[in-house]
Amino acid sequence: MTRRLLRGPRAIAAGGLLLLGAALLLHGTWIPVKAAVAQVLLERSWQAHLEGRVVKPWPWADTQPIARLIVPRLDVDMLVLNNASGRSLAFGPVWVDPSAPLGGYGNSVLSGHRDTHFEFLRHLREGDRIIVQTTEGMETFEVRSHWVFDQRDEYIVLSTLDRRLTLLTCYPFDSIVPGGDLRFAIEAVAVGAGDRSS
């Protein structure tokens, strides 16, 4: 059997399609890979933070970990960053200022990408436990509700008399178009805290 090699325009077209396929594959895996690698680098910075030292996760970092977020049932364990910029969101979930500081009274809001760090939100159920570790210790929250809202029409209440945790991401989870105005929110209340009417 004789093998025929592509020549001329057909060879150029085939090579171009191969390069395009490789580029699309790399683009599709870049964000998840970057998110996973960042959590490893952030771990070193977090351990230093617990010891009272400031160590940047990487030399040019403009953010640092301020808490650990754990969901035992789903085997989730990730670090939360202090800067809610788009750059920081690529590396992990972020604390949203001006929500309540983690560990304080009021509603602490964390935001993350629906296709990387906060993809697990779709699997949370009422009654699930969420543990937040800060330098002050650990606090357990219980998931009470979830909802979808349009950020143009609704907002999240930040001032509460108890300790609350709201996890926020874009919606729908499987959308191929990033962004949009719909948000998916999980509300959890500190275990032992009283219920609040919404």
Protein backbone atom coordinates (compact mmCIF):
# COMPACT_ATOMS: atom_id res chain seq x y z
CA MET A 1 0.00 0.00 0.00
CA THR A 2 1.38 3.37 -0.99
CA ARG A 3 1.03 6.33 1.36
CA ARG A 4 0.20 9.62 -0.23
CA LEU A 5 1.30 12.80 1.47
CA LEU A 6 -0.85 15.88 1.26
CA ARG A 7 0.75 18.60 -0.80
CA GLY A 8 0.09 22.22 -1.56
CA PRO A 9 -3.12 23.90 -0.37
CA ARG A 10 -4.51 20.70 1.15
CA ALA A 11 -1.42 20.28 3.34
CA ILE A 12 -1.60 23.90 4.46
CA ALA A 13 -5.32 23.56 5.26
CA ALA A 14 -4.75 20.32 7.22
CA GLY A 15 -1.87 21.90 9.16
CA GLY A 16 -3.99 24.97 9.87
CA LEU A 17 -6.84 22.83 11.20
CA LEU A 18 -4.44 20.92 13.44
CA LEU A 19 -3.03 24.16 14.84
CA LEU A 20 -6.54 25.57 15.38
CA GLY A 21 -7.60 22.39 17.19
CA ALA A 22 -4.53 22.50 19.43
CA ALA A 23 -5.14 26.20 20.18
CA LEU A 24 -8.80 25.55 21.10
CA LEU A 25 -7.82 22.63 23.32
CA LEU A 26 -5.20 24.74 25.12
CA HIS A 27 -7.65 27.63 25.53
CA GLY A 28 -10.33 25.30 26.93
CA THR A 29 -8.03 23.82 29.56
CA TRP A 30 -6.05 26.95 30.50
CA ILE A 31 -8.49 28.41 33.07
CA PRO A 32 -9.14 25.13 34.96
CA VAL A 33 -5.42 24.29 35.01
CA LYS A 34 -4.50 27.79 36.21
CA ALA A 35 -7.17 27.58 38.93
CA ALA A 36 -5.87 24.22 40.20
CA VAL A 37 -2.19 25.25 40.17
CA ALA A 38 -3.02 28.52 41.94
CA GLN A 39 -4.59 26.67 44.87
CA VAL A 40 -1.30 24.77 45.37
CA LEU A 41 0.72 28.02 45.39
CA LEU A 42 -1.83 29.69 47.65
CA GLU A 43 -1.50 26.89 50.22
CA ARG A 44 2.07 27.96 51.05
CA SER A 45 0.93 31.56 51.48
CA TRP A 46 -2.00 30.43 53.68
CA GLN A 47 0.24 28.45 56.01
CA ALA A 48 2.44 31.54 56.46
CA HIS A 49 -0.70 33.64 57.06
CA LEU A 50 -1.75 31.28 59.88
CA GLU A 51 1.68 31.84 61.45
CA GLY A 52 1.25 35.63 61.25
CA ARG A 53 3.62 36.10 58.32
CA VAL A 54 2.82 37.69 54.96
CA VAL A 55 4.08 35.62 52.04
CA LYS A 56 2.89 36.37 48.52
CA PRO A 57 1.67 33.26 46.68
CA TRP A 58 3.75 34.35 43.65
CA PRO A 59 5.99 37.40 43.27
CA TRP A 60 3.52 39.59 41.32
CA ALA A 61 0.40 38.61 43.32
CA ASP A 62 -1.94 41.43 44.33
CA THR A 63 -4.02 39.13 46.53
CA GLN A 64 -3.53 36.66 49.35
CA PRO A 65 -5.56 33.94 51.06
CA ILE A 66 -7.65 35.04 54.04
CA ALA A 67 -9.67 31.88 54.74
CA ARG A 68 -10.15 28.23 53.95
CA LEU A 69 -13.55 27.03 52.66
CA ILE A 70 -14.44 23.38 53.34
CA VAL A 71 -17.54 21.41 52.36
CA PRO A 72 -17.04 17.93 53.85
CA ARG A 73 -19.86 16.13 51.99
CA LEU A 74 -18.54 17.23 48.60
CA ASP A 75 -14.83 16.91 49.50
CA VAL A 76 -14.30 20.61 48.75
CA ASP A 77 -11.30 22.33 50.33
CA MET A 78 -10.09 25.61 48.86
CA LEU A 79 -8.60 28.93 49.83
CA VAL A 80 -10.48 32.23 49.72
CA LEU A 81 -8.75 35.39 48.50
CA ASN A 82 -9.10 38.93 49.80
CA ASN A 83 -9.42 40.80 46.50
CA ALA A 84 -12.63 40.53 44.44
CA SER A 85 -11.03 41.62 41.18
CA GLY A 86 -11.43 39.62 37.97
CA ARG A 87 -7.74 38.69 38.17
CA SER A 88 -8.16 37.17 41.63
CA LEU A 89 -11.29 35.24 40.61
CA ALA A 90 -9.15 33.26 38.18
CA PHE A 91 -7.18 31.86 41.13
CA GLY A 92 -9.91 31.09 43.65
CA PRO A 93 -13.10 32.27 45.32
CA VAL A 94 -12.95 35.81 46.71
CA TRP A 95 -14.38 37.71 49.65
CA VAL A 96 -16.62 40.53 48.40
CA ASP A 97 -16.09 43.89 50.06
CA PRO A 98 -18.20 45.56 51.62
CA SER A 99 -19.81 42.38 52.96
CA ALA A 100 -19.12 41.37 56.57
CA PRO A 101 -15.59 40.15 57.30
CA LEU A 102 -15.37 36.38 57.59
CA GLY A 103 -15.87 35.46 61.22
CA GLY A 104 -17.83 38.65 61.97
CA TYR A 105 -21.53 39.40 62.38
CA GLY A 106 -23.51 40.11 59.25
CA ASN A 107 -23.52 38.49 55.85
CA SER A 108 -20.12 37.50 54.43
CA VAL A 109 -20.29 37.11 50.65
CA LEU A 110 -17.91 34.92 48.67
CA SER A 111 -17.90 34.86 44.89
CA GLY A 112 -16.34 32.39 42.46
CA HIS A 113 -16.48 31.23 38.86
CA ARG A 114 -19.27 28.78 38.01
CA ASP A 115 -17.00 26.66 35.81
CA THR A 116 -14.03 26.30 38.20
CA HIS A 117 -13.98 26.88 41.97
CA PHE A 118 -17.72 27.40 42.52
CA GLU A 119 -18.93 24.69 40.16
CA PHE A 120 -19.71 22.64 43.29
CA LEU A 121 -22.48 25.07 44.30
CA ARG A 122 -24.91 23.23 42.02
CA HIS A 123 -24.50 20.14 44.24
CA LEU A 124 -25.08 21.80 47.62
CA ARG A 125 -28.31 20.86 49.43
CA GLU A 126 -30.20 22.29 52.37
CA GLY A 127 -28.59 21.03 55.57
CA ASP A 128 -25.09 20.69 54.08
CA ARG A 129 -22.32 21.98 56.33
CA ILE A 130 -19.80 24.59 55.18
CA ILE A 131 -16.73 25.23 57.33
CA VAL A 132 -14.82 28.51 57.16
CA GLN A 133 -11.37 28.69 58.75
CA THR A 134 -9.77 32.07 59.43
CA THR A 135 -6.81 33.02 61.61
CA GLU A 136 -9.37 33.40 64.42
CA GLY A 137 -10.52 29.76 64.21
CA MET A 138 -13.18 27.70 62.46
CA GLU A 139 -16.89 28.33 62.08
CA THR A 140 -19.54 25.99 60.70
CA PHE A 141 -22.46 27.15 58.58
CA GLU A 142 -25.53 25.21 57.48
CA VAL A 143 -27.03 25.69 54.02
CA ARG A 144 -30.57 27.05 54.37
CA SER A 145 -31.56 28.01 50.83
CA HIS A 146 -30.52 28.69 47.27
CA TRP A 147 -32.00 30.90 44.59
CA VAL A 148 -31.40 32.43 41.18
CA PHE A 149 -31.78 36.16 40.69
CA ASP A 150 -31.14 38.90 38.15
CA GLN A 151 -28.44 41.19 39.52
CA ARG A 152 -30.09 44.17 37.80
CA ASP A 153 -33.27 43.77 39.87
CA GLU A 154 -32.23 42.22 43.18
CA TYR A 155 -29.38 42.46 45.64
CA ILE A 156 -28.05 40.51 48.59
CA VAL A 157 -28.78 41.84 52.07
CA LEU A 158 -25.48 42.45 53.86
CA SER A 159 -26.68 43.71 57.25
CA THR A 160 -27.96 40.87 59.44
CA LEU A 161 -28.08 40.28 63.18
CA ASP A 162 -26.50 36.85 62.88
CA ARG A 163 -23.54 35.32 61.09
CA ARG A 164 -24.40 34.45 57.50
CA LEU A 165 -22.47 33.20 54.53
CA THR A 166 -23.60 33.73 50.94
CA LEU A 167 -21.84 31.93 48.10
CA LEU A 168 -22.40 33.58 44.74
CA THR A 169 -21.68 32.62 41.13
CA CYS A 170 -22.94 33.24 37.60
CA TYR A 171 -25.87 31.25 36.25
CA PRO A 172 -26.67 29.02 34.42
CA PHE A 173 -23.82 26.66 35.21
CA ASP A 174 -23.66 25.11 31.73
CA SER A 175 -23.87 28.34 29.74
CA ILE A 176 -21.25 28.62 27.00
CA VAL A 177 -21.45 32.43 27.21
CA PRO A 178 -19.56 33.87 30.21
CA GLY A 179 -21.02 36.57 32.41
CA GLY A 180 -24.64 37.59 32.05
CA ASP A 181 -26.96 39.07 34.64
CA LEU A 182 -28.26 35.93 36.35
CA ARG A 183 -26.68 34.84 39.62
CA PHE A 184 -26.96 31.64 41.67
CA ALA A 185 -26.75 32.16 45.43
CA ILE A 186 -26.41 29.80 48.39
CA GLU A 187 -27.33 31.15 51.82
CA ALA A 188 -25.95 29.49 54.94
CA VAL A 189 -26.34 30.41 58.61
CA ALA A 190 -23.80 29.85 61.35
CA VAL A 191 -24.67 26.72 63.31
CA GLY A 192 -26.35 27.78 66.55
CA ALA A 193 -27.33 31.17 65.14
CA GLY A 194 -30.99 32.15 65.17
CA ASP A 195 -33.08 32.24 62.03
CA ARG A 196 -33.86 35.57 60.42
CA SER A 197 -36.93 36.39 58.39
CA SER A 198 -36.05 37.58 54.90
